[in-house]
Amino acid sequence: MKNTLSKFLKEKRKLLKMTQRDLADRAGVGLRFIRDMEQGKKSLDMEKVNQVLALFGHEMSPTPKQRRSEHE
């Protein structure tokens, strides 16, 4: 399953009827970076991530990690 960030980005982009190229151009990042975000790449430049998220009025921030139960 894709991570929350990639799912959020793809849903917002499609809601606004933007292509990946449109989003990359508006955010000032490369097309490859948008593709990496949407594919859930594990290591991304946080500054660029926030550039993209800023277009949707969001930013990355620390969140508490949910503990998994012993049965998972």
N, C-alpha and C. Protein backbone atom coordinates (compact mmCIF):
# COMPACT_ATOMS: atom_id res chain seq x y z
N MET A 1 0.84 -1.19 0.00
CA MET A 1 0.00 0.00 0.00
C MET A 1 0.88 1.25 0.00
N LYS A 2 0.47 2.24 -0.77
CA LYS A 2 1.25 3.46 -0.84
C LYS A 2 1.15 4.24 0.45
N ASN A 3 2.18 5.03 0.71
CA ASN A 3 2.19 5.78 1.96
C ASN A 3 1.22 6.97 1.89
N THR A 4 0.97 7.56 3.02
CA THR A 4 0.01 8.65 3.14
C THR A 4 0.38 9.84 2.28
N LEU A 5 1.66 10.19 2.24
CA LEU A 5 2.11 11.34 1.45
C LEU A 5 1.84 11.13 -0.03
N SER A 6 2.19 9.99 -0.56
CA SER A 6 1.98 9.75 -1.99
C SER A 6 0.50 9.73 -2.34
N LYS A 7 -0.30 9.14 -1.48
CA LYS A 7 -1.75 9.10 -1.71
C LYS A 7 -2.34 10.52 -1.67
N PHE A 8 -1.94 11.30 -0.67
CA PHE A 8 -2.42 12.69 -0.55
C PHE A 8 -2.08 13.48 -1.81
N LEU A 9 -0.83 13.40 -2.24
CA LEU A 9 -0.37 14.18 -3.37
C LEU A 9 -1.14 13.82 -4.64
N LYS A 10 -1.27 12.55 -4.89
CA LYS A 10 -1.95 12.12 -6.11
C LYS A 10 -3.43 12.52 -6.09
N GLU A 11 -4.09 12.37 -4.95
CA GLU A 11 -5.51 12.75 -4.86
C GLU A 11 -5.70 14.25 -5.07
N LYS A 12 -4.85 15.07 -4.43
CA LYS A 12 -4.97 16.52 -4.59
C LYS A 12 -4.70 16.94 -6.03
N ARG A 13 -3.66 16.37 -6.63
CA ARG A 13 -3.31 16.71 -8.02
C ARG A 13 -4.46 16.38 -8.96
N LYS A 14 -5.03 15.20 -8.81
CA LYS A 14 -6.13 14.78 -9.69
C LYS A 14 -7.39 15.60 -9.45
N LEU A 15 -7.63 15.95 -8.20
CA LEU A 15 -8.79 16.78 -7.88
C LEU A 15 -8.72 18.12 -8.62
N LEU A 16 -7.51 18.65 -8.74
CA LEU A 16 -7.31 19.93 -9.44
C LEU A 16 -7.06 19.75 -10.94
N LYS A 17 -7.21 18.49 -11.41
CA LYS A 17 -7.02 18.17 -12.83
C LYS A 17 -5.66 18.62 -13.35
N MET A 18 -4.64 18.37 -12.54
CA MET A 18 -3.27 18.72 -12.92
C MET A 18 -2.52 17.46 -13.34
N THR A 19 -1.66 17.61 -14.33
CA THR A 19 -0.76 16.52 -14.68
C THR A 19 0.43 16.57 -13.73
N GLN A 20 1.23 15.53 -13.74
CA GLN A 20 2.45 15.55 -12.94
C GLN A 20 3.36 16.69 -13.40
N ARG A 21 3.41 16.91 -14.72
CA ARG A 21 4.23 18.01 -15.27
C ARG A 21 3.71 19.35 -14.77
N ASP A 22 2.39 19.56 -14.76
CA ASP A 22 1.81 20.81 -14.27
C ASP A 22 2.24 21.06 -12.82
N LEU A 23 2.13 20.02 -12.00
CA LEU A 23 2.48 20.15 -10.59
C LEU A 23 3.96 20.46 -10.42
N ALA A 24 4.80 19.76 -11.15
CA ALA A 24 6.24 20.00 -11.08
C ALA A 24 6.56 21.45 -11.45
N ASP A 25 5.97 21.93 -12.52
CA ASP A 25 6.22 23.30 -12.97
C ASP A 25 5.76 24.33 -11.94
N ARG A 26 4.57 24.13 -11.41
CA ARG A 26 4.03 25.09 -10.42
C ARG A 26 4.81 25.07 -9.12
N ALA A 27 5.32 23.90 -8.74
CA ALA A 27 6.06 23.79 -7.47
C ALA A 27 7.54 24.14 -7.63
N GLY A 28 8.01 24.22 -8.86
CA GLY A 28 9.41 24.53 -9.08
C GLY A 28 10.34 23.36 -8.80
N VAL A 29 9.84 22.16 -9.04
CA VAL A 29 10.66 20.95 -8.87
C VAL A 29 10.62 20.16 -10.18
N GLY A 30 11.46 19.17 -10.28
CA GLY A 30 11.50 18.36 -11.49
C GLY A 30 10.37 17.34 -11.54
N LEU A 31 10.03 16.95 -12.76
CA LEU A 31 9.00 15.94 -12.98
C LEU A 31 9.37 14.64 -12.27
N ARG A 32 10.63 14.26 -12.32
CA ARG A 32 11.09 13.03 -11.66
C ARG A 32 10.80 13.07 -10.16
N PHE A 33 10.94 14.25 -9.54
CA PHE A 33 10.67 14.37 -8.11
C PHE A 33 9.20 14.10 -7.81
N ILE A 34 8.31 14.64 -8.63
CA ILE A 34 6.86 14.40 -8.44
C ILE A 34 6.57 12.91 -8.60
N ARG A 35 7.15 12.31 -9.60
CA ARG A 35 6.94 10.86 -9.80
C ARG A 35 7.44 10.07 -8.59
N ASP A 36 8.61 10.43 -8.09
CA ASP A 36 9.15 9.76 -6.91
C ASP A 36 8.21 9.91 -5.71
N MET A 37 7.68 11.11 -5.51
CA MET A 37 6.75 11.34 -4.40
C MET A 37 5.51 10.45 -4.54
N GLU A 38 4.94 10.43 -5.73
CA GLU A 38 3.71 9.67 -5.95
C GLU A 38 3.94 8.16 -5.89
N GLN A 39 5.16 7.73 -6.12
CA GLN A 39 5.46 6.31 -6.05
C GLN A 39 5.89 5.88 -4.65
N GLY A 40 5.94 6.85 -3.73
CA GLY A 40 6.25 6.52 -2.34
C GLY A 40 7.72 6.30 -2.06
N LYS A 41 8.59 6.96 -2.82
CA LYS A 41 10.03 6.81 -2.58
C LYS A 41 10.33 7.16 -1.13
N LYS A 42 11.17 6.37 -0.50
CA LYS A 42 11.44 6.51 0.94
C LYS A 42 12.32 7.71 1.27
N SER A 43 13.26 8.09 0.39
CA SER A 43 14.16 9.20 0.71
C SER A 43 13.92 10.34 -0.26
N LEU A 44 13.40 11.44 0.27
CA LEU A 44 13.10 12.62 -0.52
C LEU A 44 13.66 13.86 0.18
N ASP A 45 13.99 14.86 -0.59
CA ASP A 45 14.46 16.14 -0.05
C ASP A 45 13.27 16.85 0.61
N MET A 46 13.34 17.00 1.93
CA MET A 46 12.21 17.57 2.68
C MET A 46 11.89 19.01 2.24
N GLU A 47 12.89 19.76 1.87
CA GLU A 47 12.64 21.13 1.41
C GLU A 47 11.78 21.11 0.14
N LYS A 48 12.09 20.21 -0.76
CA LYS A 48 11.31 20.08 -1.99
C LYS A 48 9.92 19.52 -1.71
N VAL A 49 9.82 18.58 -0.79
CA VAL A 49 8.51 18.05 -0.41
C VAL A 49 7.63 19.19 0.07
N ASN A 50 8.17 20.06 0.91
CA ASN A 50 7.38 21.19 1.42
C ASN A 50 7.06 22.20 0.34
N GLN A 51 7.92 22.35 -0.67
CA GLN A 51 7.60 23.22 -1.81
C GLN A 51 6.35 22.72 -2.50
N VAL A 52 6.27 21.42 -2.71
CA VAL A 52 5.12 20.83 -3.38
C VAL A 52 3.88 20.93 -2.50
N LEU A 53 4.00 20.56 -1.24
CA LEU A 53 2.85 20.58 -0.33
C LEU A 53 2.31 21.99 -0.10
N ALA A 54 3.17 22.99 -0.19
CA ALA A 54 2.74 24.38 0.00
C ALA A 54 1.66 24.77 -1.01
N LEU A 55 1.69 24.19 -2.19
CA LEU A 55 0.67 24.49 -3.19
C LEU A 55 -0.72 24.08 -2.72
N PHE A 56 -0.79 23.13 -1.80
CA PHE A 56 -2.06 22.65 -1.28
C PHE A 56 -2.32 23.14 0.15
N GLY A 57 -1.49 24.09 0.60
CA GLY A 57 -1.68 24.65 1.93
C GLY A 57 -1.24 23.72 3.05
N HIS A 58 -0.28 22.84 2.78
CA HIS A 58 0.20 21.87 3.77
C HIS A 58 1.72 21.90 3.88
N GLU A 59 2.23 21.28 4.91
CA GLU A 59 3.67 21.08 5.07
C GLU A 59 3.90 19.83 5.90
N MET A 60 5.08 19.25 5.76
CA MET A 60 5.44 18.09 6.56
C MET A 60 5.78 18.56 7.97
N SER A 61 5.41 17.75 8.94
CA SER A 61 5.75 18.06 10.32
C SER A 61 5.83 16.76 11.10
N PRO A 62 6.53 16.78 12.22
CA PRO A 62 6.63 15.57 13.04
C PRO A 62 5.25 15.15 13.56
N THR A 63 5.00 13.88 13.52
CA THR A 63 3.78 13.33 14.09
C THR A 63 4.14 12.13 14.95
N PRO A 64 3.38 11.89 15.97
CA PRO A 64 3.67 10.74 16.83
C PRO A 64 3.56 9.44 16.04
N LYS A 65 4.47 8.55 16.29
CA LYS A 65 4.45 7.25 15.63
C LYS A 65 3.46 6.35 16.37
N GLN A 66 2.61 5.70 15.59
CA GLN A 66 1.63 4.79 16.19
C GLN A 66 2.33 3.49 16.52
N ARG A 67 2.07 3.01 17.71
CA ARG A 67 2.63 1.72 18.12
C ARG A 67 1.82 0.61 17.49
N ARG A 68 2.50 -0.39 17.05
CA ARG A 68 1.82 -1.57 16.50
C ARG A 68 1.57 -2.56 17.62
N SER A 69 0.45 -3.25 17.50
CA SER A 69 0.16 -4.26 18.52
C SER A 69 1.06 -5.46 18.30
N GLU A 70 1.17 -6.30 19.29
CA GLU A 70 2.03 -7.48 19.23
C GLU A 70 1.55 -8.47 18.15
N HIS A 71 0.29 -8.35 17.76
CA HIS A 71 -0.29 -9.30 16.83
C HIS A 71 -0.13 -8.89 15.37
N GLU A 72 0.43 -7.70 15.11
CA GLU A 72 0.61 -7.24 13.72
C GLU A 72 1.90 -7.72 13.15
